[in-house]
Amino acid sequence: MSPQRRPSGRVTQSKKQAAAAEAAGIERSSRPPRSQRSVSPRSTPEADRPDSASGDADLGAAERPRYGAGALILAFLGAQLLSSIGYTIATSISSFDFNVPVGVGAAVGQAAAQVSTQQPLSISVPPPLWLTALLQLPLWFGLGAIPIWFAVKRGRGVVADLGLRMRSIDIPIGLALGVVCQLVMVPLIYAVLSRLIGNRDVSAAARELTDRASSPISIILLFLIVGIGAPIAEEIYFRGMAQTIFGRRIRPMWAVLAAATFFALSHLQPLQFPALLAFGVILGLLRWWSGRLGPSIWAHLGFNVVAAASLVFHIGPG
């Protein structure tokens, strides 16, 4: 009598394993090789950069901003024109001495007003600091608002085109770097230059402004001028707009240098040019490294505030 065969569960189990293995094989074969898998944009450092100094050459034609060098020139000339109009009006209706103009537009406005009204080129009464602060508004408006208009109306927005955004980490990094540049880098530069050009008063132009800050209100106005208005407006234009536009045509490091040179030249202070150029390069590197304007704005703020404080409160040598 042959023994009875018991239905073995091994056959059923092996069939299930074979079916599962076959399904897994099909699923594996449908996946592309590791070398061909796409990398998530968030896993790359460049994903955090809306628009680095290298520009947007990889974008499609429809995604590229519809403005370039012409808009850059227009924004600069527009800011200077607004500043010129402000200084022309102020000089025409007042007896103040505007012989320390700020920027190209201020110089043009001063000359135009004095020629048209037959005023002497030098008037003994300096303008109050509140008027000086007020006359910076047209310049800041032009340098800040015109690039923003182009980015919004003809570009991809202020974040993608200008890098106009900020993180909390930008504050300590930017402030610390700006303070170090003012207290360490600038003295080193002029220690070297003094051997070539002698001891020149490189702070003369700035001191004429700070000497008028005698009351608490005027001191507050001074720090609003150099510590808030100038860093924001200048960074939007020079590092946000200019460096990005330069970066579409040339390599990132050359774009940083070009924007820094433009920044230094625009101040019309030959003795301050080397330090402004070096600091402009550092600001440009911050913009390129982070992909945003936050660090460069705070560094610019720290740099300017330390300079103003040293002149107002007579801190430092001399």
C-alpha atoms as a PDB file:
ATOM      1  CA  MET A   1       0.000   0.000   0.000  1.00  0.00           C
ATOM      2  CA  SER A   2       1.602   3.174  -1.192  1.00  0.00           C
ATOM      3  CA  PRO A   3       1.806   6.028   1.257  1.00  0.00           C
ATOM      4  CA  GLN A   4      -0.592   8.880   0.742  1.00  0.00           C
ATOM      5  CA  ARG A   5       0.793  12.052  -0.742  1.00  0.00           C
ATOM      6  CA  ARG A   6       0.252  15.054   1.377  1.00  0.00           C
ATOM      7  CA  PRO A   7      -0.198  18.325  -0.499  1.00  0.00           C
ATOM      8  CA  SER A   8       3.032  20.149   0.124  1.00  0.00           C
ATOM      9  CA  GLY A   9       2.958  23.890   0.807  1.00  0.00           C
ATOM     10  CA  ARG A  10       6.457  24.146  -0.589  1.00  0.00           C
ATOM     11  CA  VAL A  11       5.230  24.037  -4.179  1.00  0.00           C
ATOM     12  CA  THR A  12       2.735  26.810  -3.583  1.00  0.00           C
ATOM     13  CA  GLN A  13       5.323  28.849  -1.687  1.00  0.00           C
ATOM     14  CA  SER A  14       7.932  28.432  -4.396  1.00  0.00           C
ATOM     15  CA  LYS A  15       5.434  29.562  -7.024  1.00  0.00           C
ATOM     16  CA  LYS A  16       4.688  32.683  -5.013  1.00  0.00           C
ATOM     17  CA  GLN A  17       8.389  33.417  -4.627  1.00  0.00           C
ATOM     18  CA  ALA A  18       8.952  32.935  -8.331  1.00  0.00           C
ATOM     19  CA  ALA A  19       6.088  35.270  -9.181  1.00  0.00           C
ATOM     20  CA  ALA A  20       7.373  37.870  -6.740  1.00  0.00           C
ATOM     21  CA  ALA A  21      10.896  37.586  -8.124  1.00  0.00           C
ATOM     22  CA  GLU A  22       9.604  37.955 -11.657  1.00  0.00           C
ATOM     23  CA  ALA A  23       7.602  41.056 -10.724  1.00  0.00           C
ATOM     24  CA  ALA A  24      10.608  42.555  -8.949  1.00  0.00           C
ATOM     25  CA  GLY A  25      12.759  41.868 -11.984  1.00  0.00           C
ATOM     26  CA  ILE A  26      10.312  43.670 -14.244  1.00  0.00           C
ATOM     27  CA  GLU A  27      10.216  46.631 -11.856  1.00  0.00           C
ATOM     28  CA  ARG A  28      14.012  46.758 -11.688  1.00  0.00           C
ATOM     29  CA  SER A  29      14.392  46.581 -15.432  1.00  0.00           C
ATOM     30  CA  SER A  30      11.978  49.484 -15.857  1.00  0.00           C
ATOM     31  CA  ARG A  31      14.169  51.759 -13.729  1.00  0.00           C
ATOM     32  CA  PRO A  32      16.952  53.630 -15.566  1.00  0.00           C
ATOM     33  CA  PRO A  33      20.583  52.987 -14.622  1.00  0.00           C
ATOM     34  CA  ARG A  34      21.940  54.985 -11.727  1.00  0.00           C
ATOM     35  CA  SER A  35      24.086  57.066 -14.065  1.00  0.00           C
ATOM     36  CA  GLN A  36      20.993  58.071 -16.051  1.00  0.00           C
ATOM     37  CA  ARG A  37      18.748  58.959 -13.138  1.00  0.00           C
ATOM     38  CA  SER A  38      17.864  62.608 -12.886  1.00  0.00           C
ATOM     39  CA  VAL A  39      19.122  64.494  -9.855  1.00  0.00           C
ATOM     40  CA  SER A  40      16.634  66.522  -7.893  1.00  0.00           C
ATOM     41  CA  PRO A  41      17.294  70.256  -8.250  1.00  0.00           C
ATOM     42  CA  ARG A  42      17.150  70.699  -4.491  1.00  0.00           C
ATOM     43  CA  SER A  43      20.116  68.306  -4.085  1.00  0.00           C
ATOM     44  CA  THR A  44      22.508  70.599  -5.934  1.00  0.00           C
ATOM     45  CA  PRO A  45      24.095  73.735  -4.496  1.00  0.00           C
ATOM     46  CA  GLU A  46      23.074  75.741  -7.552  1.00  0.00           C
ATOM     47  CA  ALA A  47      19.392  75.130  -6.800  1.00  0.00           C
ATOM     48  CA  ASP A  48      19.642  77.648  -3.993  1.00  0.00           C
ATOM     49  CA  ARG A  49      20.874  80.251  -6.440  1.00  0.00           C
ATOM     50  CA  PRO A  50      18.025  81.901  -8.338  1.00  0.00           C
ATOM     51  CA  ASP A  51      20.505  83.591 -10.645  1.00  0.00           C
ATOM     52  CA  SER A  52      24.197  83.374  -9.994  1.00  0.00           C
ATOM     53  CA  ALA A  53      26.857  85.663 -11.357  1.00  0.00           C
ATOM     54  CA  SER A  54      27.302  83.301 -14.290  1.00  0.00           C
ATOM     55  CA  GLY A  55      23.996  84.478 -15.658  1.00  0.00           C
ATOM     56  CA  ASP A  56      21.216  82.418 -17.218  1.00  0.00           C
ATOM     57  CA  ALA A  57      22.776  80.910 -20.328  1.00  0.00           C
ATOM     58  CA  ASP A  58      21.143  77.531 -19.660  1.00  0.00           C
ATOM     59  CA  LEU A  59      17.627  78.957 -19.694  1.00  0.00           C
ATOM     60  CA  GLY A  60      15.379  78.750 -22.688  1.00  0.00           C
ATOM     61  CA  ALA A  61      14.829  81.861 -24.747  1.00  0.00           C
ATOM     62  CA  ALA A  62      11.325  82.293 -23.334  1.00  0.00           C
ATOM     63  CA  GLU A  63      12.659  82.198 -19.749  1.00  0.00           C
ATOM     64  CA  ARG A  64      15.478  84.699 -20.161  1.00  0.00           C
ATOM     65  CA  PRO A  65      14.948  88.277 -18.961  1.00  0.00           C
ATOM     66  CA  ARG A  66      14.022  90.647 -21.768  1.00  0.00           C
ATOM     67  CA  TYR A  67      16.495  93.328 -20.744  1.00  0.00           C
ATOM     68  CA  GLY A  68      20.248  93.725 -20.658  1.00  0.00           C
ATOM     69  CA  ALA A  69      22.985  96.351 -20.860  1.00  0.00           C
ATOM     70  CA  GLY A  70      20.575  98.978 -22.160  1.00  0.00           C
ATOM     71  CA  ALA A  71      18.426  98.639 -19.055  1.00  0.00           C
ATOM     72  CA  LEU A  72      21.540  98.806 -16.869  1.00  0.00           C
ATOM     73  CA  ILE A  73      22.601 102.102 -18.468  1.00  0.00           C
ATOM     74  CA  LEU A  74      19.049 103.439 -18.355  1.00  0.00           C
ATOM     75  CA  ALA A  75      18.734 102.674 -14.639  1.00  0.00           C
ATOM     76  CA  PHE A  76      22.030 104.399 -13.845  1.00  0.00           C
ATOM     77  CA  LEU A  77      21.270 107.477 -15.932  1.00  0.00           C
ATOM     78  CA  GLY A  78      17.726 107.600 -14.569  1.00  0.00           C
ATOM     79  CA  ALA A  79      19.002 107.588 -10.994  1.00  0.00           C
ATOM     80  CA  GLN A  80      21.521 110.321 -11.765  1.00  0.00           C
ATOM     81  CA  LEU A  81      18.863 112.379 -13.544  1.00  0.00           C
ATOM     82  CA  LEU A  82      16.535 112.173 -10.555  1.00  0.00           C
ATOM     83  CA  SER A  83      19.399 113.163  -8.260  1.00  0.00           C
ATOM     84  CA  SER A  84      20.319 116.022 -10.588  1.00  0.00           C
ATOM     85  CA  ILE A  85      16.768 117.354 -10.589  1.00  0.00           C
ATOM     86  CA  GLY A  86      16.648 117.263  -6.799  1.00  0.00           C
ATOM     87  CA  TYR A  87      19.918 119.133  -6.400  1.00  0.00           C
ATOM     88  CA  THR A  88      18.951 121.642  -9.091  1.00  0.00           C
ATOM     89  CA  ILE A  89      15.734 122.504  -7.277  1.00  0.00           C
ATOM     90  CA  ALA A  90      17.428 122.670  -3.874  1.00  0.00           C
ATOM     91  CA  THR A  91      20.242 124.888  -5.141  1.00  0.00           C
ATOM     92  CA  SER A  92      17.875 127.206  -6.996  1.00  0.00           C
ATOM     93  CA  ILE A  93      15.556 127.907  -4.075  1.00  0.00           C
ATOM     94  CA  SER A  94      18.107 127.998  -1.255  1.00  0.00           C
ATOM     95  CA  SER A  95      21.380 129.678  -0.358  1.00  0.00           C
ATOM     96  CA  PHE A  96      23.097 126.526   0.833  1.00  0.00           C
ATOM     97  CA  ASP A  97      26.512 125.435  -0.379  1.00  0.00           C
ATOM     98  CA  PHE A  98      26.312 122.118  -2.218  1.00  0.00           C
ATOM     99  CA  ASN A  99      30.011 121.993  -3.033  1.00  0.00           C
ATOM    100  CA  VAL A 100      30.246 118.384  -1.871  1.00  0.00           C
ATOM    101  CA  PRO A 101      27.885 116.734  -4.372  1.00  0.00           C
ATOM    102  CA  VAL A 102      27.106 113.053  -4.051  1.00  0.00           C
ATOM    103  CA  GLY A 103      27.416 111.222  -7.345  1.00  0.00           C
ATOM    104  CA  VAL A 104      27.364 112.298 -10.970  1.00  0.00           C
ATOM    105  CA  GLY A 105      23.763 113.492 -10.873  1.00  0.00           C
ATOM    106  CA  ALA A 106      24.388 115.750  -7.911  1.00  0.00           C
ATOM    107  CA  ALA A 107      27.409 117.327  -9.621  1.00  0.00           C
ATOM    108  CA  VAL A 108      25.453 117.961 -12.818  1.00  0.00           C
ATOM    109  CA  GLY A 109      22.516 119.374 -10.861  1.00  0.00           C
ATOM    110  CA  GLN A 110      24.726 121.704  -8.861  1.00  0.00           C
ATOM    111  CA  ALA A 111      26.459 123.070 -11.959  1.00  0.00           C
ATOM    112  CA  ALA A 112      23.212 123.492 -13.902  1.00  0.00           C
ATOM    113  CA  ALA A 113      21.482 125.330 -11.072  1.00  0.00           C
ATOM    114  CA  GLN A 114      24.362 127.682 -10.352  1.00  0.00           C
ATOM    115  CA  VAL A 115      24.835 128.564 -14.020  1.00  0.00           C
ATOM    116  CA  SER A 116      21.126 129.101 -14.668  1.00  0.00           C
ATOM    117  CA  THR A 117      20.628 131.287 -11.585  1.00  0.00           C
ATOM    118  CA  GLN A 118      24.011 133.058 -11.852  1.00  0.00           C
ATOM    119  CA  GLN A 119      24.970 131.987  -8.346  1.00  0.00           C
ATOM    120  CA  PRO A 120      28.621 131.920  -7.283  1.00  0.00           C
ATOM    121  CA  LEU A 121      30.247 128.519  -7.400  1.00  0.00           C
ATOM    122  CA  SER A 122      30.969 128.567  -3.674  1.00  0.00           C
ATOM    123  CA  ILE A 123      28.440 129.551  -1.024  1.00  0.00           C
ATOM    124  CA  SER A 124      29.452 129.657   2.615  1.00  0.00           C
ATOM    125  CA  VAL A 125      26.322 128.154   4.180  1.00  0.00           C
ATOM    126  CA  PRO A 126      26.301 124.315   4.087  1.00  0.00           C
ATOM    127  CA  PRO A 127      22.948 122.542   3.753  1.00  0.00           C
ATOM    128  CA  PRO A 128      21.486 120.954   6.883  1.00  0.00           C
ATOM    129  CA  LEU A 129      21.867 117.221   7.190  1.00  0.00           C
ATOM    130  CA  TRP A 130      18.127 116.623   6.878  1.00  0.00           C
ATOM    131  CA  LEU A 131      18.211 118.235   3.434  1.00  0.00           C
ATOM    132  CA  THR A 132      21.196 116.123   2.420  1.00  0.00           C
ATOM    133  CA  ALA A 133      19.306 113.021   3.518  1.00  0.00           C
ATOM    134  CA  LEU A 134      16.208 114.121   1.631  1.00  0.00           C
ATOM    135  CA  LEU A 135      18.204 114.695  -1.543  1.00  0.00           C
ATOM    136  CA  GLN A 136      19.456 111.100  -1.470  1.00  0.00           C
ATOM    137  CA  LEU A 137      15.938 109.754  -1.935  1.00  0.00           C
ATOM    138  CA  PRO A 138      15.768 110.377  -5.718  1.00  0.00           C
ATOM    139  CA  LEU A 139      19.125 108.639  -6.206  1.00  0.00           C
ATOM    140  CA  TRP A 140      18.121 105.658  -4.075  1.00  0.00           C
ATOM    141  CA  PHE A 141      14.767 105.460  -5.795  1.00  0.00           C
ATOM    142  CA  GLY A 142      16.443 105.295  -9.187  1.00  0.00           C
ATOM    143  CA  LEU A 143      19.084 102.746  -8.196  1.00  0.00           C
ATOM    144  CA  GLY A 144      16.593 100.524  -6.392  1.00  0.00           C
ATOM    145  CA  ALA A 145      13.223 100.961  -8.063  1.00  0.00           C
ATOM    146  CA  ILE A 146      14.283 100.941 -11.723  1.00  0.00           C
ATOM    147  CA  PRO A 147      16.025  97.518 -11.516  1.00  0.00           C
ATOM    148  CA  ILE A 148      13.033  96.148  -9.612  1.00  0.00           C
ATOM    149  CA  TRP A 149      10.697  97.436 -12.334  1.00  0.00           C
ATOM    150  CA  PHE A 150      12.718  95.699 -15.053  1.00  0.00           C
ATOM    151  CA  ALA A 151      12.876  92.467 -13.050  1.00  0.00           C
ATOM    152  CA  VAL A 152       9.114  92.423 -12.471  1.00  0.00           C
ATOM    153  CA  LYS A 153       7.908  93.671 -15.856  1.00  0.00           C
ATOM    154  CA  ARG A 154      10.502  92.245 -18.237  1.00  0.00           C
ATOM    155  CA  GLY A 155      12.207  89.526 -16.256  1.00  0.00           C
ATOM    156  CA  ARG A 156      11.533  86.613 -13.928  1.00  0.00           C
ATOM    157  CA  GLY A 157      10.972  88.609 -10.742  1.00  0.00           C
ATOM    158  CA  VAL A 158      13.170  90.194  -8.108  1.00  0.00           C
ATOM    159  CA  VAL A 159      14.269  86.883  -6.588  1.00  0.00           C
ATOM    160  CA  ALA A 160      15.326  85.156  -9.809  1.00  0.00           C
ATOM    161  CA  ASP A 161      16.811  88.206 -11.532  1.00  0.00           C
ATOM    162  CA  LEU A 162      18.204  90.278  -8.660  1.00  0.00           C
ATOM    163  CA  GLY A 163      18.561  87.731  -5.858  1.00  0.00           C
ATOM    164  CA  LEU A 164      16.533  90.046  -3.629  1.00  0.00           C
ATOM    165  CA  ARG A 165      15.925  87.811  -0.647  1.00  0.00           C
ATOM    166  CA  MET A 166      17.402  87.262   2.769  1.00  0.00           C
ATOM    167  CA  ARG A 167      17.968  84.592   5.407  1.00  0.00           C
ATOM    168  CA  SER A 168      18.624  85.007   9.099  1.00  0.00           C
ATOM    169  CA  ILE A 169      22.184  83.699   8.703  1.00  0.00           C
ATOM    170  CA  ASP A 170      22.932  86.610   6.364  1.00  0.00           C
ATOM    171  CA  ILE A 171      22.853  89.109   9.244  1.00  0.00           C
ATOM    172  CA  PRO A 172      25.793  87.861  11.370  1.00  0.00           C
ATOM    173  CA  ILE A 173      27.867  86.785   8.365  1.00  0.00           C
ATOM    174  CA  GLY A 174      27.360  90.038   6.494  1.00  0.00           C
ATOM    175  CA  LEU A 175      27.808  92.362   9.470  1.00  0.00           C
ATOM    176  CA  ALA A 176      30.949  90.592  10.664  1.00  0.00           C
ATOM    177  CA  LEU A 177      32.535  90.668   7.226  1.00  0.00           C
ATOM    178  CA  GLY A 178      31.663  94.329   6.686  1.00  0.00           C
ATOM    179  CA  VAL A 179      33.143  95.353  10.036  1.00  0.00           C
ATOM    180  CA  VAL A 180      36.328  93.352   9.413  1.00  0.00           C
ATOM    181  CA  CYS A 181      36.736  94.898   5.965  1.00  0.00           C
ATOM    182  CA  GLN A 182      36.426  98.416   7.380  1.00  0.00           C
ATOM    183  CA  LEU A 183      38.701  97.864  10.383  1.00  0.00           C
ATOM    184  CA  VAL A 184      41.318  95.567   8.820  1.00  0.00           C
ATOM    185  CA  MET A 185      41.235  95.581   5.019  1.00  0.00           C
ATOM    186  CA  VAL A 186      40.890  99.339   4.466  1.00  0.00           C
ATOM    187  CA  PRO A 187      43.785 100.329   6.803  1.00  0.00           C
ATOM    188  CA  LEU A 188      46.029  97.726   5.169  1.00  0.00           C
ATOM    189  CA  ILE A 189      45.247  99.056   1.689  1.00  0.00           C
ATOM    190  CA  TYR A 190      46.019 102.653   2.630  1.00  0.00           C
ATOM    191  CA  ALA A 191      49.109 101.664   4.587  1.00  0.00           C
ATOM    192  CA  VAL A 192      50.501 100.368   1.298  1.00  0.00           C
ATOM    193  CA  LEU A 193      49.217 103.307  -0.759  1.00  0.00           C
ATOM    194  CA  SER A 194      50.615 105.879   1.659  1.00  0.00           C
ATOM    195  CA  ARG A 195      54.102 104.803   0.605  1.00  0.00           C
ATOM    196  CA  LEU A 196      53.215 105.689  -2.982  1.00  0.00           C
ATOM    197  CA  ILE A 197      51.027 108.788  -2.685  1.00  0.00           C
ATOM    198  CA  GLY A 198      51.970 110.083   0.749  1.00  0.00           C
ATOM    199  CA  ASN A 199      49.621 110.718   3.637  1.00  0.00           C
ATOM    200  CA  ARG A 200      46.379 111.928   2.096  1.00  0.00           C
ATOM    201  CA  ASP A 201      43.124 112.529   3.959  1.00  0.00           C
ATOM    202  CA  VAL A 202      41.008 109.870   2.254  1.00  0.00           C
ATOM    203  CA  SER A 203      38.088 110.615   4.597  1.00  0.00           C
ATOM    204  CA  ALA A 204      37.844 114.322   3.782  1.00  0.00           C
ATOM    205  CA  ALA A 205      34.670 114.039   1.693  1.00  0.00           C
ATOM    206  CA  ALA A 206      32.943 111.825   4.246  1.00  0.00           C
ATOM    207  CA  ARG A 207      34.064 114.039   7.124  1.00  0.00           C
ATOM    208  CA  GLU A 208      32.363 117.071   5.607  1.00  0.00           C
ATOM    209  CA  LEU A 209      29.127 115.112   5.883  1.00  0.00           C
ATOM    210  CA  THR A 210      29.700 113.716   9.371  1.00  0.00           C
ATOM    211  CA  ASP A 211      30.822 117.072  10.796  1.00  0.00           C
ATOM    212  CA  ARG A 212      27.249 118.295  10.358  1.00  0.00           C
ATOM    213  CA  ALA A 213      25.909 115.495  12.566  1.00  0.00           C
ATOM    214  CA  SER A 214      26.011 117.384  15.860  1.00  0.00           C
ATOM    215  CA  SER A 215      22.528 116.727  17.289  1.00  0.00           C
ATOM    216  CA  PRO A 216      20.919 113.351  18.031  1.00  0.00           C
ATOM    217  CA  ILE A 217      18.442 113.811  15.172  1.00  0.00           C
ATOM    218  CA  SER A 218      21.192 114.640  12.695  1.00  0.00           C
ATOM    219  CA  ILE A 219      23.219 111.627  13.830  1.00  0.00           C
ATOM    220  CA  ILE A 220      20.201 109.377  13.284  1.00  0.00           C
ATOM    221  CA  LEU A 221      19.728 110.898   9.829  1.00  0.00           C
ATOM    222  CA  LEU A 222      23.376 110.289   9.021  1.00  0.00           C
ATOM    223  CA  PHE A 223      23.145 106.616   9.913  1.00  0.00           C
ATOM    224  CA  LEU A 224      19.934 106.314   7.902  1.00  0.00           C
ATOM    225  CA  ILE A 225      21.773 107.777   4.905  1.00  0.00           C
ATOM    226  CA  VAL A 226      24.872 105.604   5.006  1.00  0.00           C
ATOM    227  CA  GLY A 227      23.566 102.593   6.902  1.00  0.00           C
ATOM    228  CA  ILE A 228      20.212 101.796   5.350  1.00  0.00           C
ATOM    229  CA  GLY A 229      19.477 103.721   2.177  1.00  0.00           C
ATOM    230  CA  ALA A 230      22.840 103.412   0.455  1.00  0.00           C
ATOM    231  CA  PRO A 231      23.483  99.688   1.102  1.00  0.00           C
ATOM    232  CA  ILE A 232      20.038  98.557  -0.046  1.00  0.00           C
ATOM    233  CA  ALA A 233      19.838 100.723  -3.167  1.00  0.00           C
ATOM    234  CA  GLU A 234      23.450 100.180  -4.240  1.00  0.00           C
ATOM    235  CA  GLU A 235      23.352  96.420  -3.722  1.00  0.00           C
ATOM    236  CA  ILE A 236      20.135  96.086  -5.724  1.00  0.00           C
ATOM    237  CA  TYR A 237      21.737  97.950  -8.616  1.00  0.00           C
ATOM    238  CA  PHE A 238      25.405  96.901  -8.573  1.00  0.00           C
ATOM    239  CA  ARG A 239      25.248  93.322  -7.275  1.00  0.00           C
ATOM    240  CA  GLY A 240      21.642  92.553  -8.167  1.00  0.00           C
ATOM    241  CA  MET A 241      21.322  94.059 -11.645  1.00  0.00           C
ATOM    242  CA  ALA A 242      24.810  94.905 -12.935  1.00  0.00           C
ATOM    243  CA  GLN A 243      26.622  91.758 -11.817  1.00  0.00           C
ATOM    244  CA  THR A 244      23.840  89.536 -13.142  1.00  0.00           C
ATOM    245  CA  ILE A 245      23.795  91.253 -16.543  1.00  0.00           C
ATOM    246  CA  PHE A 246      27.593  91.101 -16.786  1.00  0.00           C
ATOM    247  CA  GLY A 247      27.420  87.422 -15.862  1.00  0.00           C
ATOM    248  CA  ARG A 248      25.389  86.629 -18.969  1.00  0.00           C
ATOM    249  CA  ARG A 249      28.342  87.597 -21.162  1.00  0.00           C
ATOM    250  CA  ILE A 250      31.458  86.790 -19.158  1.00  0.00           C
ATOM    251  CA  ARG A 251      32.650  84.334 -16.524  1.00  0.00           C
ATOM    252  CA  PRO A 252      31.424  84.758 -12.934  1.00  0.00           C
ATOM    253  CA  MET A 253      34.722  86.069 -11.543  1.00  0.00           C
ATOM    254  CA  TRP A 254      35.006  88.634 -14.330  1.00  0.00           C
ATOM    255  CA  ALA A 255      31.404  89.664 -13.694  1.00  0.00           C
ATOM    256  CA  VAL A 256      32.221  90.191 -10.017  1.00  0.00           C
ATOM    257  CA  LEU A 257      35.246  92.321 -10.946  1.00  0.00           C
ATOM    258  CA  ALA A 258      33.323  94.330 -13.558  1.00  0.00           C
ATOM    259  CA  ALA A 259      30.507  95.155 -11.118  1.00  0.00           C
ATOM    260  CA  ALA A 260      33.035  96.062  -8.406  1.00  0.00           C
ATOM    261  CA  THR A 261      34.888  98.395 -10.782  1.00  0.00           C
ATOM    262  CA  PHE A 262      31.634 100.053 -11.813  1.00  0.00           C
ATOM    263  CA  PHE A 263      30.717 100.423  -8.134  1.00  0.00           C
ATOM    264  CA  ALA A 264      34.053 102.028  -7.218  1.00  0.00           C
ATOM    265  CA  LEU A 265      34.100 104.397 -10.201  1.00  0.00           C
ATOM    266  CA  SER A 266      30.557 105.622  -9.543  1.00  0.00           C
ATOM    267  CA  HIS A 267      31.594 107.156  -6.208  1.00  0.00           C
ATOM    268  CA  LEU A 268      33.884 109.679  -7.963  1.00  0.00           C
ATOM    269  CA  GLN A 269      36.461 109.485  -5.158  1.00  0.00           C
ATOM    270  CA  PRO A 270      39.913 108.701  -6.653  1.00  0.00           C
ATOM    271  CA  LEU A 271      41.612 108.264  -3.271  1.00  0.00           C
ATOM    272  CA  GLN A 272      38.927 105.848  -2.113  1.00  0.00           C
ATOM    273  CA  PHE A 273      38.891 103.853  -5.352  1.00  0.00           C
ATOM    274  CA  PRO A 274      41.274 101.020  -4.249  1.00  0.00           C
ATOM    275  CA  ALA A 275      39.353 100.282  -1.047  1.00  0.00           C
ATOM    276  CA  LEU A 276      35.977 100.562  -2.777  1.00  0.00           C
ATOM    277  CA  LEU A 277      37.154  98.213  -5.527  1.00  0.00           C
ATOM    278  CA  ALA A 278      38.407  95.619  -3.040  1.00  0.00           C
ATOM    279  CA  PHE A 279      35.241  95.850  -0.973  1.00  0.00           C
ATOM    280  CA  GLY A 280      33.124  95.652  -4.129  1.00  0.00           C
ATOM    281  CA  VAL A 281      34.840  92.388  -5.057  1.00  0.00           C
ATOM    282  CA  ILE A 282      34.024  90.952  -1.622  1.00  0.00           C
ATOM    283  CA  LEU A 283      30.387  92.034  -1.950  1.00  0.00           C
ATOM    284  CA  GLY A 284      30.230  90.461  -5.399  1.00  0.00           C
ATOM    285  CA  LEU A 285      31.659  87.192  -4.120  1.00  0.00           C
ATOM    286  CA  LEU A 286      29.042  87.148  -1.371  1.00  0.00           C
ATOM    287  CA  ARG A 287      26.318  87.620  -3.978  1.00  0.00           C
ATOM    288  CA  TRP A 288      27.733  84.882  -6.193  1.00  0.00           C
ATOM    289  CA  TRP A 289      28.404  82.444  -3.342  1.00  0.00           C
ATOM    290  CA  SER A 290      24.992  82.768  -1.704  1.00  0.00           C
ATOM    291  CA  GLY A 291      22.843  83.473  -4.767  1.00  0.00           C
ATOM    292  CA  ARG A 292      21.091  86.307  -2.921  1.00  0.00           C
ATOM    293  CA  LEU A 293      21.633  89.910  -1.872  1.00  0.00           C
ATOM    294  CA  GLY A 294      21.111  89.408   1.862  1.00  0.00           C
ATOM    295  CA  PRO A 295      24.785  88.876   2.829  1.00  0.00           C
ATOM    296  CA  SER A 296      26.099  91.716   0.659  1.00  0.00           C
ATOM    297  CA  ILE A 297      23.469  94.172   1.948  1.00  0.00           C
ATOM    298  CA  TRP A 298      24.358  93.454   5.572  1.00  0.00           C
ATOM    299  CA  ALA A 299      28.093  93.570   4.831  1.00  0.00           C
ATOM    300  CA  HIS A 300      27.640  96.933   3.103  1.00  0.00           C
ATOM    301  CA  LEU A 301      25.619  98.174   6.088  1.00  0.00           C
ATOM    302  CA  GLY A 302      28.287  97.100   8.584  1.00  0.00           C
ATOM    303  CA  PHE A 303      31.051  98.642   6.480  1.00  0.00           C
ATOM    304  CA  ASN A 304      29.302 102.019   6.196  1.00  0.00           C
ATOM    305  CA  VAL A 305      28.102 102.222   9.791  1.00  0.00           C
ATOM    306  CA  VAL A 306      31.577 101.566  11.200  1.00  0.00           C
ATOM    307  CA  ALA A 307      33.032 104.257   8.933  1.00  0.00           C
ATOM    308  CA  ALA A 308      30.361 106.778   9.941  1.00  0.00           C
ATOM    309  CA  ALA A 309      30.693 105.963  13.646  1.00  0.00           C
ATOM    310  CA  SER A 310      34.473 106.375  13.557  1.00  0.00           C
ATOM    311  CA  LEU A 311      34.105 109.827  11.987  1.00  0.00           C
ATOM    312  CA  VAL A 312      31.199 111.061  14.127  1.00  0.00           C
ATOM    313  CA  PHE A 313      32.592 109.860  17.446  1.00  0.00           C
ATOM    314  CA  HIS A 314      36.260 110.353  16.470  1.00  0.00           C
ATOM    315  CA  ILE A 315      37.178 106.708  16.930  1.00  0.00           C
ATOM    316  CA  GLY A 316      40.491 105.484  15.641  1.00  0.00           C
ATOM    317  CA  PRO A 317      43.807 107.077  14.821  1.00  0.00           C
ATOM    318  CA  GLY A 318      44.055 110.751  14.075  1.00  0.00           C
END
